[in-house]
C-alpha atoms as a PDB file:
ATOM      1  CA  UNK A   1       0.000   0.000   0.000  1.00  0.00           C
ATOM      2  CA  UNK A   2       1.420   3.393  -1.007  1.00  0.00           C
ATOM      3  CA  UNK A   3       0.757   6.428   1.145  1.00  0.00           C
ATOM      4  CA  UNK A   4       0.472   9.654  -0.816  1.00  0.00           C
ATOM      5  CA  UNK A   5       2.408  12.622   0.476  1.00  0.00           C
ATOM      6  CA  UNK A   6       0.226  15.735   1.078  1.00  0.00           C
ATOM      7  CA  UNK A   7       0.852  18.517  -1.430  1.00  0.00           C
ATOM      8  CA  UNK A   8       1.962  20.928   1.338  1.00  0.00           C
ATOM      9  CA  UNK A   9       4.747  18.536   2.422  1.00  0.00           C
ATOM     10  CA  UNK A  10       7.826  19.601   0.438  1.00  0.00           C
ATOM     11  CA  UNK A  11      10.025  16.576   1.173  1.00  0.00           C
ATOM     12  CA  UNK A  12       9.958  13.199   2.879  1.00  0.00           C
ATOM     13  CA  UNK A  13       9.747  13.030   6.661  1.00  0.00           C
ATOM     14  CA  UNK A  14      12.965  12.792   8.678  1.00  0.00           C
ATOM     15  CA  UNK A  15      13.480   9.350  10.252  1.00  0.00           C
ATOM     16  CA  UNK A  16      12.349  10.585  13.696  1.00  0.00           C
ATOM     17  CA  UNK A  17       8.955  11.909  12.526  1.00  0.00           C
ATOM     18  CA  UNK A  18       6.026   9.934  13.950  1.00  0.00           C
ATOM     19  CA  UNK A  19       3.280  12.295  12.768  1.00  0.00           C
ATOM     20  CA  UNK A  20       0.713  11.026  10.273  1.00  0.00           C
ATOM     21  CA  UNK A  21       0.396  13.801   7.700  1.00  0.00           C
ATOM     22  CA  UNK A  22      -2.795  14.396   5.742  1.00  0.00           C
ATOM     23  CA  UNK A  23      -3.838  16.810   3.009  1.00  0.00           C
ATOM     24  CA  UNK A  24      -6.425  18.459   5.271  1.00  0.00           C
ATOM     25  CA  UNK A  25      -4.107  19.008   8.275  1.00  0.00           C
ATOM     26  CA  UNK A  26      -4.542  22.395   9.938  1.00  0.00           C
ATOM     27  CA  UNK A  27      -1.737  24.846   9.053  1.00  0.00           C
ATOM     28  CA  UNK A  28      -0.427  24.666  12.660  1.00  0.00           C
ATOM     29  CA  UNK A  29       0.057  20.920  12.155  1.00  0.00           C
ATOM     30  CA  UNK A  30       2.267  21.291   9.073  1.00  0.00           C
ATOM     31  CA  UNK A  31       5.316  20.076  10.947  1.00  0.00           C
ATOM     32  CA  UNK A  32       7.334  16.979  11.659  1.00  0.00           C
ATOM     33  CA  UNK A  33       7.155  15.674  15.209  1.00  0.00           C
ATOM     34  CA  UNK A  34       9.189  13.220  17.257  1.00  0.00           C
ATOM     35  CA  UNK A  35       7.770  10.801  19.801  1.00  0.00           C
ATOM     36  CA  UNK A  36       6.263  12.531  22.830  1.00  0.00           C
ATOM     37  CA  UNK A  37       7.570  12.131  26.325  1.00  0.00           C
ATOM     38  CA  UNK A  38       5.298  12.962  29.251  1.00  0.00           C
ATOM     39  CA  UNK A  39       7.071  14.157  32.402  1.00  0.00           C
ATOM     40  CA  UNK A  40       5.364  14.792  35.774  1.00  0.00           C
ATOM     41  CA  UNK A  41       6.470  18.209  36.995  1.00  0.00           C
ATOM     42  CA  UNK A  42       6.284  19.800  40.440  1.00  0.00           C
ATOM     43  CA  UNK A  43       6.613  23.541  40.078  1.00  0.00           C
ATOM     44  CA  UNK A  44       6.999  25.847  43.050  1.00  0.00           C
ATOM     45  CA  UNK A  45       4.520  28.696  42.930  1.00  0.00           C
ATOM     46  CA  UNK A  46       5.737  31.003  45.668  1.00  0.00           C
ATOM     47  CA  UNK A  47       4.597  33.182  47.301  1.00  0.00           C
ATOM     48  CA  UNK A  48       0.847  33.479  47.578  1.00  0.00           C
ATOM     49  CA  UNK A  49      -1.982  31.271  48.813  1.00  0.00           C
ATOM     50  CA  UNK A  50      -3.391  30.737  45.315  1.00  0.00           C
ATOM     51  CA  UNK A  51      -0.143  29.084  44.218  1.00  0.00           C
ATOM     52  CA  UNK A  52       0.479  26.853  47.197  1.00  0.00           C
ATOM     53  CA  UNK A  53      -0.908  23.536  48.371  1.00  0.00           C
ATOM     54  CA  UNK A  54      -2.784  22.819  51.595  1.00  0.00           C
ATOM     55  CA  UNK A  55       0.426  22.882  53.654  1.00  0.00           C
ATOM     56  CA  UNK A  56       1.777  25.994  51.938  1.00  0.00           C
ATOM     57  CA  UNK A  57       4.149  23.962  49.744  1.00  0.00           C
ATOM     58  CA  UNK A  58       4.426  23.692  45.982  1.00  0.00           C
ATOM     59  CA  UNK A  59       1.517  22.512  43.907  1.00  0.00           C
ATOM     60  CA  UNK A  60       1.843  19.456  41.682  1.00  0.00           C
ATOM     61  CA  UNK A  61       0.937  20.650  38.214  1.00  0.00           C
ATOM     62  CA  UNK A  62      -0.207  18.747  35.184  1.00  0.00           C
ATOM     63  CA  UNK A  63       2.132  16.492  33.306  1.00  0.00           C
ATOM     64  CA  UNK A  64       4.327  18.316  30.861  1.00  0.00           C
ATOM     65  CA  UNK A  65       4.921  17.300  27.317  1.00  0.00           C
ATOM     66  CA  UNK A  66       8.404  17.206  25.829  1.00  0.00           C
ATOM     67  CA  UNK A  67       8.589  16.742  22.084  1.00  0.00           C
ATOM     68  CA  UNK A  68      10.929  17.629  19.245  1.00  0.00           C
ATOM     69  CA  UNK A  69       9.566  19.091  16.049  1.00  0.00           C
ATOM     70  CA  UNK A  70      10.345  21.202  13.050  1.00  0.00           C
ATOM     71  CA  UNK A  71       8.288  22.967  10.439  1.00  0.00           C
ATOM     72  CA  UNK A  72       7.665  20.613   7.545  1.00  0.00           C
ATOM     73  CA  UNK A  73       9.170  23.091   5.097  1.00  0.00           C
ATOM     74  CA  UNK A  74      12.085  24.246   7.236  1.00  0.00           C
ATOM     75  CA  UNK A  75      15.337  22.910   8.581  1.00  0.00           C
ATOM     76  CA  UNK A  76      15.200  24.366  12.114  1.00  0.00           C
ATOM     77  CA  UNK A  77      14.667  21.743  14.790  1.00  0.00           C
ATOM     78  CA  UNK A  78      12.828  22.863  17.918  1.00  0.00           C
ATOM     79  CA  UNK A  79      12.304  21.332  21.337  1.00  0.00           C
ATOM     80  CA  UNK A  80       8.872  21.945  22.847  1.00  0.00           C
ATOM     81  CA  UNK A  81       8.170  21.997  26.561  1.00  0.00           C
ATOM     82  CA  UNK A  82       4.658  22.671  27.731  1.00  0.00           C
ATOM     83  CA  UNK A  83       1.614  21.436  29.511  1.00  0.00           C
ATOM     84  CA  UNK A  84       0.079  18.264  28.169  1.00  0.00           C
ATOM     85  CA  UNK A  85      -3.314  19.979  28.175  1.00  0.00           C
ATOM     86  CA  UNK A  86      -3.747  23.681  27.537  1.00  0.00           C
ATOM     87  CA  UNK A  87      -1.249  26.311  26.476  1.00  0.00           C
ATOM     88  CA  UNK A  88      -0.696  28.325  29.644  1.00  0.00           C
ATOM     89  CA  UNK A  89       2.928  27.216  29.567  1.00  0.00           C
ATOM     90  CA  UNK A  90       4.447  26.579  26.170  1.00  0.00           C
ATOM     91  CA  UNK A  91       8.108  26.984  25.313  1.00  0.00           C
ATOM     92  CA  UNK A  92       9.717  26.251  21.952  1.00  0.00           C
ATOM     93  CA  UNK A  93      13.506  26.522  21.877  1.00  0.00           C
ATOM     94  CA  UNK A  94      16.148  25.652  19.319  1.00  0.00           C
ATOM     95  CA  UNK A  95      18.129  22.447  19.585  1.00  0.00           C
ATOM     96  CA  UNK A  96      21.242  24.438  20.592  1.00  0.00           C
ATOM     97  CA  UNK A  97      19.276  26.269  23.290  1.00  0.00           C
ATOM     98  CA  UNK A  98      17.888  22.958  24.587  1.00  0.00           C
ATOM     99  CA  UNK A  99      21.420  21.570  24.844  1.00  0.00           C
ATOM    100  CA  UNK A 100      22.632  24.661  26.747  1.00  0.00           C
ATOM    101  CA  UNK A 101      19.626  24.386  29.084  1.00  0.00           C
ATOM    102  CA  UNK A 102      20.320  20.670  29.636  1.00  0.00           C
ATOM    103  CA  UNK A 103      23.951  21.431  30.473  1.00  0.00           C
ATOM    104  CA  UNK A 104      22.987  24.259  32.851  1.00  0.00           C
ATOM    105  CA  UNK A 105      20.420  22.056  34.619  1.00  0.00           C
ATOM    106  CA  UNK A 106      23.009  19.285  34.971  1.00  0.00           C
ATOM    107  CA  UNK A 107      25.507  21.720  36.521  1.00  0.00           C
ATOM    108  CA  UNK A 108      22.820  23.079  38.833  1.00  0.00           C
ATOM    109  CA  UNK A 109      21.800  19.591  39.985  1.00  0.00           C
ATOM    110  CA  UNK A 110      25.445  18.624  40.505  1.00  0.00           C
ATOM    111  CA  UNK A 111      25.969  21.683  42.729  1.00  0.00           C
ATOM    112  CA  UNK A 112      22.816  20.910  44.709  1.00  0.00           C
ATOM    113  CA  UNK A 113      23.810  17.260  45.244  1.00  0.00           C
ATOM    114  CA  UNK A 114      27.205  18.400  46.560  1.00  0.00           C
ATOM    115  CA  UNK A 115      25.433  20.230  49.415  1.00  0.00           C
ATOM    116  CA  UNK A 116      22.996  17.640  50.752  1.00  0.00           C
END
């Protein structure tokens, strides 16, 4: 069985793309997408009673979605971090920025583990 490529898709999908493309895809969906990874996140919302749990501590927020993507017609690869549901928090950063953030988080966690 041969799958026809939508007319808006300029070239074949990269090997990491798991998205099923269709001719009638919404314009926002004209992109390649890697497999999703869902990560539970605890975010500290301090100060203020509306951002804290019953004991005044951080609130456990929704799972966050981490996914790589790029525009179907472009070469820029982006990493997306955001809420699984809704768009209150949505960050798209370049691959280079994601690597710098990863390295900074690793250094930060290393410093914190040195002071337990």
